[in-house]
């Protein structure tokens, strides 16, 4: 049970930590995100990297505890699970018809 419940949490922590590392320079410029841990200096980049590595290791170990197949496929979960692309959006004029009923 511990492995099954720790895997999603550790994968999410690793992904969020990686995102914070990658976006730290942009976050420092944005008024809404400039108070996050890395831009304001509450957490160093080295600490964030350690957090990501430990979280990823917990994820792989938890997958290994479930089965060797899960452990072998865990890198695929990271690759496929983080391959998001922006959605295609239709032109607003094709959706909104202001002067028509």
PDB file of N, CA and C in Angstrom:
ATOM      1  N   UNK A   1       0.824  -1.202   0.000  1.00  0.00           N
ATOM      2  CA  UNK A   1       0.000   0.000   0.000  1.00  0.00           C
ATOM      3  C   UNK A   1       0.864   1.261   0.000  1.00  0.00           C
ATOM      4  N   UNK A   2       1.953   1.226   0.761  1.00  0.00           N
ATOM      5  CA  UNK A   2       2.826   2.408   0.845  1.00  0.00           C
ATOM      6  C   UNK A   2       3.443   2.732  -0.508  1.00  0.00           C
ATOM      7  N   UNK A   3       3.866   1.708  -1.234  1.00  0.00           N
ATOM      8  CA  UNK A   3       4.462   1.950  -2.544  1.00  0.00           C
ATOM      9  C   UNK A   3       3.433   2.514  -3.519  1.00  0.00           C
ATOM     10  N   UNK A   4       2.232   1.957  -3.486  1.00  0.00           N
ATOM     11  CA  UNK A   4       1.194   2.414  -4.408  1.00  0.00           C
ATOM     12  C   UNK A   4       0.752   3.833  -4.112  1.00  0.00           C
ATOM     13  N   UNK A   5       0.772   4.226  -2.851  1.00  0.00           N
ATOM     14  CA  UNK A   5       0.342   5.588  -2.521  1.00  0.00           C
ATOM     15  C   UNK A   5       1.480   6.598  -2.592  1.00  0.00           C
ATOM     16  N   UNK A   6       2.724   6.141  -2.444  1.00  0.00           N
ATOM     17  CA  UNK A   6       3.838   7.087  -2.506  1.00  0.00           C
ATOM     18  C   UNK A   6       4.252   7.397  -3.936  1.00  0.00           C
ATOM     19  N   UNK A   7       3.967   6.510  -4.872  1.00  0.00           N
ATOM     20  CA  UNK A   7       4.380   6.744  -6.254  1.00  0.00           C
ATOM     21  C   UNK A   7       3.764   8.000  -6.879  1.00  0.00           C
ATOM     22  N   UNK A   8       2.448   8.168  -6.829  1.00  0.00           N
ATOM     23  CA  UNK A   8       1.899   9.390  -7.432  1.00  0.00           C
ATOM     24  C   UNK A   8       2.397  10.657  -6.740  1.00  0.00           C
ATOM     25  N   UNK A   9       2.552  10.591  -5.433  1.00  0.00           N
ATOM     26  CA  UNK A   9       2.999  11.769  -4.685  1.00  0.00           C
ATOM     27  C   UNK A   9       4.435  12.113  -5.055  1.00  0.00           C
ATOM     28  N   UNK A  10       5.302  11.107  -5.074  1.00  0.00           N
ATOM     29  CA  UNK A  10       6.706  11.381  -5.395  1.00  0.00           C
ATOM     30  C   UNK A  10       6.875  11.813  -6.852  1.00  0.00           C
ATOM     31  N   UNK A  11       6.106  11.244  -7.764  1.00  0.00           N
ATOM     32  CA  UNK A  11       6.187  11.667  -9.167  1.00  0.00           C
ATOM     33  C   UNK A  11       5.727  13.113  -9.317  1.00  0.00           C
ATOM     34  N   UNK A  12       4.667  13.472  -8.611  1.00  0.00           N
ATOM     35  CA  UNK A  12       4.172  14.852  -8.668  1.00  0.00           C
ATOM     36  C   UNK A  12       5.185  15.822  -8.065  1.00  0.00           C
ATOM     37  N   UNK A  13       5.792  15.441  -6.953  1.00  0.00           N
ATOM     38  CA  UNK A  13       6.804  16.300  -6.325  1.00  0.00           C
ATOM     39  C   UNK A  13       8.001  16.500  -7.246  1.00  0.00           C
ATOM     40  N   UNK A  14       8.449  15.422  -7.889  1.00  0.00           N
ATOM     41  CA  UNK A  14       9.577  15.540  -8.812  1.00  0.00           C
ATOM     42  C   UNK A  14       9.228  16.441  -9.989  1.00  0.00           C
ATOM     43  N   UNK A  15       8.032  16.280 -10.533  1.00  0.00           N
ATOM     44  CA  UNK A  15       7.634  17.092 -11.682  1.00  0.00           C
ATOM     45  C   UNK A  15       7.476  18.563 -11.298  1.00  0.00           C
ATOM     46  N   UNK A  16       6.853  18.815 -10.158  1.00  0.00           N
ATOM     47  CA  UNK A  16       6.673  20.206  -9.731  1.00  0.00           C
ATOM     48  C   UNK A  16       8.012  20.855  -9.388  1.00  0.00           C
ATOM     49  N   UNK A  17       8.905  20.102  -8.745  1.00  0.00           N
ATOM     50  CA  UNK A  17      10.220  20.643  -8.432  1.00  0.00           C
ATOM     51  C   UNK A  17      11.007  20.961  -9.684  1.00  0.00           C
ATOM     52  N   UNK A  18      10.934  20.071 -10.667  1.00  0.00           N
ATOM     53  CA  UNK A  18      11.621  20.317 -11.939  1.00  0.00           C
ATOM     54  C   UNK A  18      11.054  21.554 -12.623  1.00  0.00           C
ATOM     55  N   UNK A  19       9.736  21.696 -12.598  1.00  0.00           N
ATOM     56  CA  UNK A  19       9.091  22.862 -13.199  1.00  0.00           C
ATOM     57  C   UNK A  19       9.543  24.149 -12.513  1.00  0.00           C
ATOM     58  N   UNK A  20       9.638  24.126 -11.192  1.00  0.00           N
ATOM     59  CA  UNK A  20      10.088  25.312 -10.458  1.00  0.00           C
ATOM     60  C   UNK A  20      11.526  25.657 -10.802  1.00  0.00           C
ATOM     61  N   UNK A  21      12.365  24.632 -10.994  1.00  0.00           N
ATOM     62  CA  UNK A  21      13.749  24.879 -11.379  1.00  0.00           C
ATOM     63  C   UNK A  21      13.836  25.515 -12.761  1.00  0.00           C
ATOM     64  N   UNK A  22      13.107  24.960 -13.700  1.00  0.00           N
ATOM     65  CA  UNK A  22      13.167  25.449 -15.075  1.00  0.00           C
ATOM     66  C   UNK A  22      12.598  26.858 -15.183  1.00  0.00           C
ATOM     67  N   UNK A  23      11.544  27.142 -14.446  1.00  0.00           N
ATOM     68  CA  UNK A  23      10.863  28.431 -14.559  1.00  0.00           C
ATOM     69  C   UNK A  23      11.324  29.477 -13.554  1.00  0.00           C
ATOM     70  N   UNK A  24      12.367  29.213 -12.806  1.00  0.00           N
ATOM     71  CA  UNK A  24      12.773  30.124 -11.730  1.00  0.00           C
ATOM     72  C   UNK A  24      13.098  31.527 -12.257  1.00  0.00           C
ATOM     73  N   UNK A  25      13.772  31.621 -13.383  1.00  0.00           N
ATOM     74  CA  UNK A  25      14.119  32.940 -13.931  1.00  0.00           C
ATOM     75  C   UNK A  25      12.870  33.701 -14.368  1.00  0.00           C
ATOM     76  N   UNK A  26      11.926  33.004 -14.973  1.00  0.00           N
ATOM     77  CA  UNK A  26      10.674  33.648 -15.389  1.00  0.00           C
ATOM     78  C   UNK A  26       9.821  34.007 -14.174  1.00  0.00           C
ATOM     79  N   UNK A  27       9.831  33.130 -13.170  1.00  0.00           N
ATOM     80  CA  UNK A  27       9.055  33.395 -11.958  1.00  0.00           C
ATOM     81  C   UNK A  27       9.544  34.644 -11.243  1.00  0.00           C
ATOM     82  N   UNK A  28      10.842  34.907 -11.304  1.00  0.00           N
ATOM     83  CA  UNK A  28      11.395  36.093 -10.642  1.00  0.00           C
ATOM     84  C   UNK A  28      10.893  37.384 -11.278  1.00  0.00           C
ATOM     85  N   UNK A  29      10.530  37.336 -12.552  1.00  0.00           N
ATOM     86  CA  UNK A  29      10.059  38.529 -13.258  1.00  0.00           C
ATOM     87  C   UNK A  29       8.551  38.735 -13.147  1.00  0.00           C
ATOM     88  N   UNK A  30       7.828  37.695 -12.795  1.00  0.00           N
ATOM     89  CA  UNK A  30       6.371  37.756 -12.745  1.00  0.00           C
ATOM     90  C   UNK A  30       5.924  38.153 -11.335  1.00  0.00           C
ATOM     91  N   UNK A  31       5.142  39.220 -11.193  1.00  0.00           N
ATOM     92  CA  UNK A  31       4.702  39.635  -9.858  1.00  0.00           C
ATOM     93  C   UNK A  31       3.924  38.559  -9.100  1.00  0.00           C
ATOM     94  N   UNK A  32       3.188  37.723  -9.819  1.00  0.00           N
ATOM     95  CA  UNK A  32       2.393  36.689  -9.160  1.00  0.00           C
ATOM     96  C   UNK A  32       3.260  35.554  -8.623  1.00  0.00           C
ATOM     97  N   UNK A  33       4.395  35.274  -9.259  1.00  0.00           N
ATOM     98  CA  UNK A  33       5.206  34.120  -8.880  1.00  0.00           C
ATOM     99  C   UNK A  33       6.569  34.483  -8.296  1.00  0.00           C
ATOM    100  N   UNK A  34       6.854  35.755  -8.158  1.00  0.00           N
ATOM    101  CA  UNK A  34       8.191  36.134  -7.693  1.00  0.00           C
ATOM    102  C   UNK A  34       8.449  35.780  -6.234  1.00  0.00           C
ATOM    103  N   UNK A  35       7.415  35.436  -5.470  1.00  0.00           N
ATOM    104  CA  UNK A  35       7.600  35.065  -4.070  1.00  0.00           C
ATOM    105  C   UNK A  35       7.714  33.547  -3.873  1.00  0.00           C
ATOM    106  N   UNK A  36       7.847  32.795  -4.956  1.00  0.00           N
ATOM    107  CA  UNK A  36       8.076  31.360  -4.818  1.00  0.00           C
ATOM    108  C   UNK A  36       9.464  31.123  -4.225  1.00  0.00           C
ATOM    109  N   UNK A  37       9.719  29.932  -3.753  1.00  0.00           N
ATOM    110  CA  UNK A  37      10.898  29.632  -2.943  1.00  0.00           C
ATOM    111  C   UNK A  37      12.215  29.952  -3.638  1.00  0.00           C
ATOM    112  N   UNK A  38      12.384  29.523  -4.877  1.00  0.00           N
ATOM    113  CA  UNK A  38      13.670  29.719  -5.552  1.00  0.00           C
ATOM    114  C   UNK A  38      13.891  31.185  -5.926  1.00  0.00           C
ATOM    115  N   UNK A  39      12.933  31.871  -6.540  1.00  0.00           N
ATOM    116  CA  UNK A  39      13.184  33.279  -6.891  1.00  0.00           C
ATOM    117  C   UNK A  39      13.460  34.181  -5.677  1.00  0.00           C
ATOM    118  N   UNK A  40      12.814  33.920  -4.563  1.00  0.00           N
ATOM    119  CA  UNK A  40      13.029  34.794  -3.408  1.00  0.00           C
ATOM    120  C   UNK A  40      14.227  34.363  -2.566  1.00  0.00           C
ATOM    121  N   UNK A  41      14.834  33.207  -2.875  1.00  0.00           N
ATOM    122  CA  UNK A  41      16.038  32.769  -2.195  1.00  0.00           C
ATOM    123  C   UNK A  41      15.810  31.918  -0.970  1.00  0.00           C
ATOM    124  N   UNK A  42      14.578  31.508  -0.700  1.00  0.00           N
ATOM    125  CA  UNK A  42      14.302  30.650   0.455  1.00  0.00           C
ATOM    126  C   UNK A  42      14.828  29.233   0.232  1.00  0.00           C
ATOM    127  N   UNK A  43      14.979  28.843  -1.031  1.00  0.00           N
ATOM    128  CA  UNK A  43      15.526  27.534  -1.383  1.00  0.00           C
ATOM    129  C   UNK A  43      16.548  27.735  -2.498  1.00  0.00           C
ATOM    130  N   UNK A  44      17.705  27.135  -2.355  1.00  0.00           N
ATOM    131  CA  UNK A  44      18.727  27.273  -3.389  1.00  0.00           C
ATOM    132  C   UNK A  44      18.432  26.303  -4.532  1.00  0.00           C
ATOM    133  N   UNK A  45      19.071  26.539  -5.656  1.00  0.00           N
ATOM    134  CA  UNK A  45      18.905  25.634  -6.794  1.00  0.00           C
ATOM    135  C   UNK A  45      19.435  24.244  -6.447  1.00  0.00           C
ATOM    136  N   UNK A  46      20.503  24.187  -5.680  1.00  0.00           N
ATOM    137  CA  UNK A  46      21.081  22.905  -5.282  1.00  0.00           C
ATOM    138  C   UNK A  46      20.082  22.111  -4.436  1.00  0.00           C
ATOM    139  N   UNK A  47      19.415  22.783  -3.516  1.00  0.00           N
ATOM    140  CA  UNK A  47      18.400  22.109  -2.700  1.00  0.00           C
ATOM    141  C   UNK A  47      17.237  21.623  -3.561  1.00  0.00           C
ATOM    142  N   UNK A  48      16.836  22.427  -4.539  1.00  0.00           N
ATOM    143  CA  UNK A  48      15.736  22.034  -5.413  1.00  0.00           C
ATOM    144  C   UNK A  48      16.126  20.834  -6.268  1.00  0.00           C
ATOM    145  N   UNK A  49      17.364  20.828  -6.758  1.00  0.00           N
ATOM    146  CA  UNK A  49      17.834  19.679  -7.546  1.00  0.00           C
ATOM    147  C   UNK A  49      17.844  18.422  -6.681  1.00  0.00           C
ATOM    148  N   UNK A  50      18.315  18.538  -5.444  1.00  0.00           N
ATOM    149  CA  UNK A  50      18.319  17.393  -4.533  1.00  0.00           C
ATOM    150  C   UNK A  50      16.896  16.891  -4.289  1.00  0.00           C
ATOM    151  N   UNK A  51      15.954  17.814  -4.124  1.00  0.00           N
ATOM    152  CA  UNK A  51      14.557  17.439  -3.911  1.00  0.00           C
ATOM    153  C   UNK A  51      14.005  16.670  -5.111  1.00  0.00           C
ATOM    154  N   UNK A  52      14.313  17.145  -6.318  1.00  0.00           N
ATOM    155  CA  UNK A  52      13.830  16.479  -7.538  1.00  0.00           C
ATOM    156  C   UNK A  52      14.445  15.090  -7.655  1.00  0.00           C
ATOM    157  N   UNK A  53      15.745  14.969  -7.406  1.00  0.00           N
ATOM    158  CA  UNK A  53      16.422  13.675  -7.529  1.00  0.00           C
ATOM    159  C   UNK A  53      15.886  12.684  -6.492  1.00  0.00           C
ATOM    160  N   UNK A  54      15.723  13.125  -5.261  1.00  0.00           N
ATOM    161  CA  UNK A  54      15.197  12.229  -4.214  1.00  0.00           C
ATOM    162  C   UNK A  54      13.755  11.819  -4.529  1.00  0.00           C
ATOM    163  N   UNK A  55      12.939  12.764  -4.986  1.00  0.00           N
ATOM    164  CA  UNK A  55      11.549  12.434  -5.332  1.00  0.00           C
ATOM    165  C   UNK A  55      11.489  11.439  -6.479  1.00  0.00           C
ATOM    166  N   UNK A  56      12.333  11.626  -7.487  1.00  0.00           N
ATOM    167  CA  UNK A  56      12.365  10.687  -8.614  1.00  0.00           C
ATOM    168  C   UNK A  56      12.847   9.314  -8.151  1.00  0.00           C
ATOM    169  N   UNK A  57      13.827   9.281  -7.253  1.00  0.00           N
ATOM    170  CA  UNK A  57      14.322   8.004  -6.740  1.00  0.00           C
ATOM    171  C   UNK A  57      13.247   7.284  -5.930  1.00  0.00           C
ATOM    172  N   UNK A  58      12.484   8.023  -5.143  1.00  0.00           N
ATOM    173  CA  UNK A  58      11.381   7.415  -4.378  1.00  0.00           C
ATOM    174  C   UNK A  58      10.339   6.850  -5.339  1.00  0.00           C
ATOM    175  N   UNK A  59      10.082   7.563  -6.433  1.00  0.00           N
ATOM    176  CA  UNK A  59       9.122   7.077  -7.425  1.00  0.00           C
ATOM    177  C   UNK A  59       9.599   5.756  -8.047  1.00  0.00           C
ATOM    178  N   UNK A  60      10.850   5.705  -8.456  1.00  0.00           N
ATOM    179  CA  UNK A  60      11.379   4.484  -9.083  1.00  0.00           C
ATOM    180  C   UNK A  60      11.423   3.342  -8.069  1.00  0.00           C
ATOM    181  N   UNK A  61      11.823   3.624  -6.832  1.00  0.00           N
ATOM    182  CA  UNK A  61      11.844   2.589  -5.798  1.00  0.00           C
ATOM    183  C   UNK A  61      10.425   2.071  -5.510  1.00  0.00           C
ATOM    184  N   UNK A  62       9.469   2.977  -5.433  1.00  0.00           N
ATOM    185  CA  UNK A  62       8.089   2.556  -5.213  1.00  0.00           C
ATOM    186  C   UNK A  62       7.568   1.710  -6.356  1.00  0.00           C
ATOM    187  N   UNK A  63       7.942   2.082  -7.572  1.00  0.00           N
ATOM    188  CA  UNK A  63       7.547   1.281  -8.738  1.00  0.00           C
ATOM    189  C   UNK A  63       8.194  -0.098  -8.670  1.00  0.00           C
ATOM    190  N   UNK A  64       9.455  -0.157  -8.252  1.00  0.00           N
ATOM    191  CA  UNK A  64      10.144  -1.435  -8.111  1.00  0.00           C
ATOM    192  C   UNK A  64       9.481  -2.297  -7.040  1.00  0.00           C
ATOM    193  N   UNK A  65       9.010  -1.672  -5.963  1.00  0.00           N
ATOM    194  CA  UNK A  65       8.323  -2.421  -4.905  1.00  0.00           C
ATOM    195  C   UNK A  65       7.012  -3.015  -5.406  1.00  0.00           C
ATOM    196  N   UNK A  66       6.379  -2.348  -6.345  1.00  0.00           N
ATOM    197  CA  UNK A  66       5.130  -2.888  -6.902  1.00  0.00           C
ATOM    198  C   UNK A  66       5.418  -4.094  -7.782  1.00  0.00           C
ATOM    199  N   UNK A  67       6.319  -3.940  -8.734  1.00  0.00           N
ATOM    200  CA  UNK A  67       6.744  -5.054  -9.588  1.00  0.00           C
ATOM    201  C   UNK A  67       7.919  -4.592 -10.439  1.00  0.00           C
ATOM    202  N   UNK A  68       8.644  -5.560 -10.961  1.00  0.00           N
ATOM    203  CA  UNK A  68       9.776  -5.184 -11.807  1.00  0.00           C
ATOM    204  C   UNK A  68       9.295  -4.559 -13.105  1.00  0.00           C
ATOM    205  N   UNK A  69       8.114  -4.936 -13.554  1.00  0.00           N
ATOM    206  CA  UNK A  69       7.559  -4.334 -14.772  1.00  0.00           C
ATOM    207  C   UNK A  69       7.291  -2.848 -14.553  1.00  0.00           C
ATOM    208  N   UNK A  70       6.736  -2.502 -13.400  1.00  0.00           N
ATOM    209  CA  UNK A  70       6.505  -1.085 -13.079  1.00  0.00           C
ATOM    210  C   UNK A  70       7.820  -0.322 -13.024  1.00  0.00           C
ATOM    211  N   UNK A  71       8.847  -0.952 -12.457  1.00  0.00           N
ATOM    212  CA  UNK A  71      10.147  -0.293 -12.363  1.00  0.00           C
ATOM    213  C   UNK A  71      10.744  -0.057 -13.749  1.00  0.00           C
ATOM    214  N   UNK A  72      10.613  -1.047 -14.626  1.00  0.00           N
ATOM    215  CA  UNK A  72      11.154  -0.909 -15.980  1.00  0.00           C
ATOM    216  C   UNK A  72      10.390   0.160 -16.757  1.00  0.00           C
ATOM    217  N   UNK A  73       9.078   0.250 -16.523  1.00  0.00           N
ATOM    218  CA  UNK A  73       8.257   1.211 -17.259  1.00  0.00           C
ATOM    219  C   UNK A  73       8.211   2.599 -16.615  1.00  0.00           C
ATOM    220  N   UNK A  74       8.786   2.763 -15.431  1.00  0.00           N
ATOM    221  CA  UNK A  74       8.709   4.063 -14.753  1.00  0.00           C
ATOM    222  C   UNK A  74       9.350   5.206 -15.550  1.00  0.00           C
ATOM    223  N   UNK A  75      10.484   5.012 -16.252  1.00  0.00           N
ATOM    224  CA  UNK A  75      10.979   6.119 -17.085  1.00  0.00           C
ATOM    225  C   UNK A  75       9.996   6.497 -18.200  1.00  0.00           C
ATOM    226  N   UNK A  76       9.273   5.510 -18.704  1.00  0.00           N
ATOM    227  CA  UNK A  76       8.264   5.798 -19.726  1.00  0.00           C
ATOM    228  C   UNK A  76       7.146   6.659 -19.151  1.00  0.00           C
ATOM    229  N   UNK A  77       6.792   6.424 -17.901  1.00  0.00           N
ATOM    230  CA  UNK A  77       5.754   7.231 -17.252  1.00  0.00           C
ATOM    231  C   UNK A  77       6.200   8.690 -17.162  1.00  0.00           C
ATOM    232  N   UNK A  78       7.463   8.908 -16.837  1.00  0.00           N
ATOM    233  CA  UNK A  78       7.978  10.281 -16.792  1.00  0.00           C
ATOM    234  C   UNK A  78       7.958  10.909 -18.177  1.00  0.00           C
ATOM    235  N   UNK A  79       8.365  10.151 -19.181  1.00  0.00           N
ATOM    236  CA  UNK A  79       8.457  10.695 -20.537  1.00  0.00           C
ATOM    237  C   UNK A  79       7.082  11.013 -21.105  1.00  0.00           C
ATOM    238  N   UNK A  80       6.174  10.056 -21.051  1.00  0.00           N
ATOM    239  CA  UNK A  80       4.838  10.251 -21.608  1.00  0.00           C
ATOM    240  C   UNK A  80       4.025  11.211 -20.751  1.00  0.00           C
ATOM    241  N   UNK A  81       4.166  11.105 -19.444  1.00  0.00           N
ATOM    242  CA  UNK A  81       3.378  11.941 -18.538  1.00  0.00           C
ATOM    243  C   UNK A  81       3.754  13.402 -18.543  1.00  0.00           C
ATOM    244  N   UNK A  82       4.933  13.720 -19.058  1.00  0.00           N
ATOM    245  CA  UNK A  82       5.357  15.124 -19.075  1.00  0.00           C
ATOM    246  C   UNK A  82       5.412  15.698 -20.472  1.00  0.00           C
ATOM    247  N   UNK A  83       4.871  14.990 -21.450  1.00  0.00           N
ATOM    248  CA  UNK A  83       4.920  15.448 -22.840  1.00  0.00           C
ATOM    249  C   UNK A  83       3.614  16.158 -23.205  1.00  0.00           C
ATOM    250  N   UNK A  84       3.367  17.272 -22.536  1.00  0.00           N
ATOM    251  CA  UNK A  84       2.146  18.018 -22.789  1.00  0.00           C
ATOM    252  C   UNK A  84       2.393  19.076 -23.857  1.00  0.00           C
ATOM    253  N   UNK A  85       1.413  19.264 -24.685  1.00  0.00           N
ATOM    254  CA  UNK A  85       1.485  20.292 -25.721  1.00  0.00           C
ATOM    255  C   UNK A  85       0.270  21.203 -25.573  1.00  0.00           C
ATOM    256  N   UNK A  86       0.419  22.454 -25.971  1.00  0.00           N
ATOM    257  CA  UNK A  86      -0.740  23.345 -25.891  1.00  0.00           C
ATOM    258  C   UNK A  86      -1.886  22.835 -26.770  1.00  0.00           C
ATOM    259  N   UNK A  87      -3.073  23.007 -26.282  1.00  0.00           N
ATOM    260  CA  UNK A  87      -4.252  22.589 -27.046  1.00  0.00           C
ATOM    261  C   UNK A  87      -4.454  23.521 -28.227  1.00  0.00           C
ATOM    262  N   UNK A  88      -4.945  22.973 -29.310  1.00  0.00           N
ATOM    263  CA  UNK A  88      -5.271  23.819 -30.457  1.00  0.00           C
ATOM    264  C   UNK A  88      -6.585  24.524 -30.151  1.00  0.00           C
ATOM    265  N   UNK A  89      -6.603  25.777 -30.414  1.00  0.00           N
ATOM    266  CA  UNK A  89      -7.790  26.574 -30.102  1.00  0.00           C
ATOM    267  C   UNK A  89      -8.372  27.150 -31.389  1.00  0.00           C
ATOM    268  N   UNK A  90      -9.689  27.021 -31.549  1.00  0.00           N
ATOM    269  CA  UNK A  90     -10.304  27.605 -32.745  1.00  0.00           C
ATOM    270  C   UNK A  90     -10.318  29.131 -32.640  1.00  0.00           C
ATOM    271  N   UNK A  91     -10.425  29.747 -33.774  1.00  0.00           N
ATOM    272  CA  UNK A  91     -10.502  31.196 -33.829  1.00  0.00           C
ATOM    273  C   UNK A  91     -11.767  31.654 -33.089  1.00  0.00           C
ATOM    274  N   UNK A  92     -11.674  32.648 -32.194  1.00  0.00           N
ATOM    275  CA  UNK A  92     -12.856  33.094 -31.443  1.00  0.00           C
ATOM    276  C   UNK A  92     -14.004  33.557 -32.333  1.00  0.00           C
ATOM    277  N   UNK A  93     -13.694  34.072 -33.498  1.00  0.00           N
ATOM    278  CA  UNK A  93     -14.763  34.529 -34.403  1.00  0.00           C
ATOM    279  C   UNK A  93     -15.635  33.375 -34.889  1.00  0.00           C
ATOM    280  N   UNK A  94     -15.113  32.163 -34.887  1.00  0.00           N
ATOM    281  CA  UNK A  94     -15.925  31.019 -35.313  1.00  0.00           C
ATOM    282  C   UNK A  94     -16.819  30.522 -34.194  1.00  0.00           C
ATOM    283  N   UNK A  95     -16.560  30.963 -32.971  1.00  0.00           N
ATOM    284  CA  UNK A  95     -17.342  30.511 -31.828  1.00  0.00           C
ATOM    285  C   UNK A  95     -18.317  31.592 -31.361  1.00  0.00           C
ATOM    286  N   UNK A  96     -17.838  32.809 -31.289  1.00  0.00           N
ATOM    287  CA  UNK A  96     -18.644  33.923 -30.756  1.00  0.00           C
ATOM    288  C   UNK A  96     -19.282  34.663 -31.918  1.00  0.00           C
ATOM    289  N   UNK A  97     -20.585  34.797 -31.861  1.00  0.00           N
ATOM    290  CA  UNK A  97     -21.332  35.533 -32.886  1.00  0.00           C
ATOM    291  C   UNK A  97     -22.089  36.638 -32.178  1.00  0.00           C
ATOM    292  N   UNK A  98     -21.475  37.805 -32.098  1.00  0.00           N
ATOM    293  CA  UNK A  98     -21.992  38.889 -31.293  1.00  0.00           C
ATOM    294  C   UNK A  98     -23.343  39.413 -31.744  1.00  0.00           C
ATOM    295  N   UNK A  99     -23.513  39.646 -33.019  1.00  0.00           N
ATOM    296  CA  UNK A  99     -24.736  40.287 -33.505  1.00  0.00           C
ATOM    297  C   UNK A  99     -25.684  39.303 -34.175  1.00  0.00           C
ATOM    298  N   UNK A 100     -25.642  38.070 -33.744  1.00  0.00           N
ATOM    299  CA  UNK A 100     -26.498  37.070 -34.332  1.00  0.00           C
ATOM    300  C   UNK A 100     -27.199  36.295 -33.245  1.00  0.00           C
ATOM    301  N   UNK A 101     -28.393  35.840 -33.559  1.00  0.00           N
ATOM    302  CA  UNK A 101     -29.143  35.020 -32.610  1.00  0.00           C
ATOM    303  C   UNK A 101     -29.064  33.597 -32.998  1.00  0.00           C
TER     304      UNK A 101
END
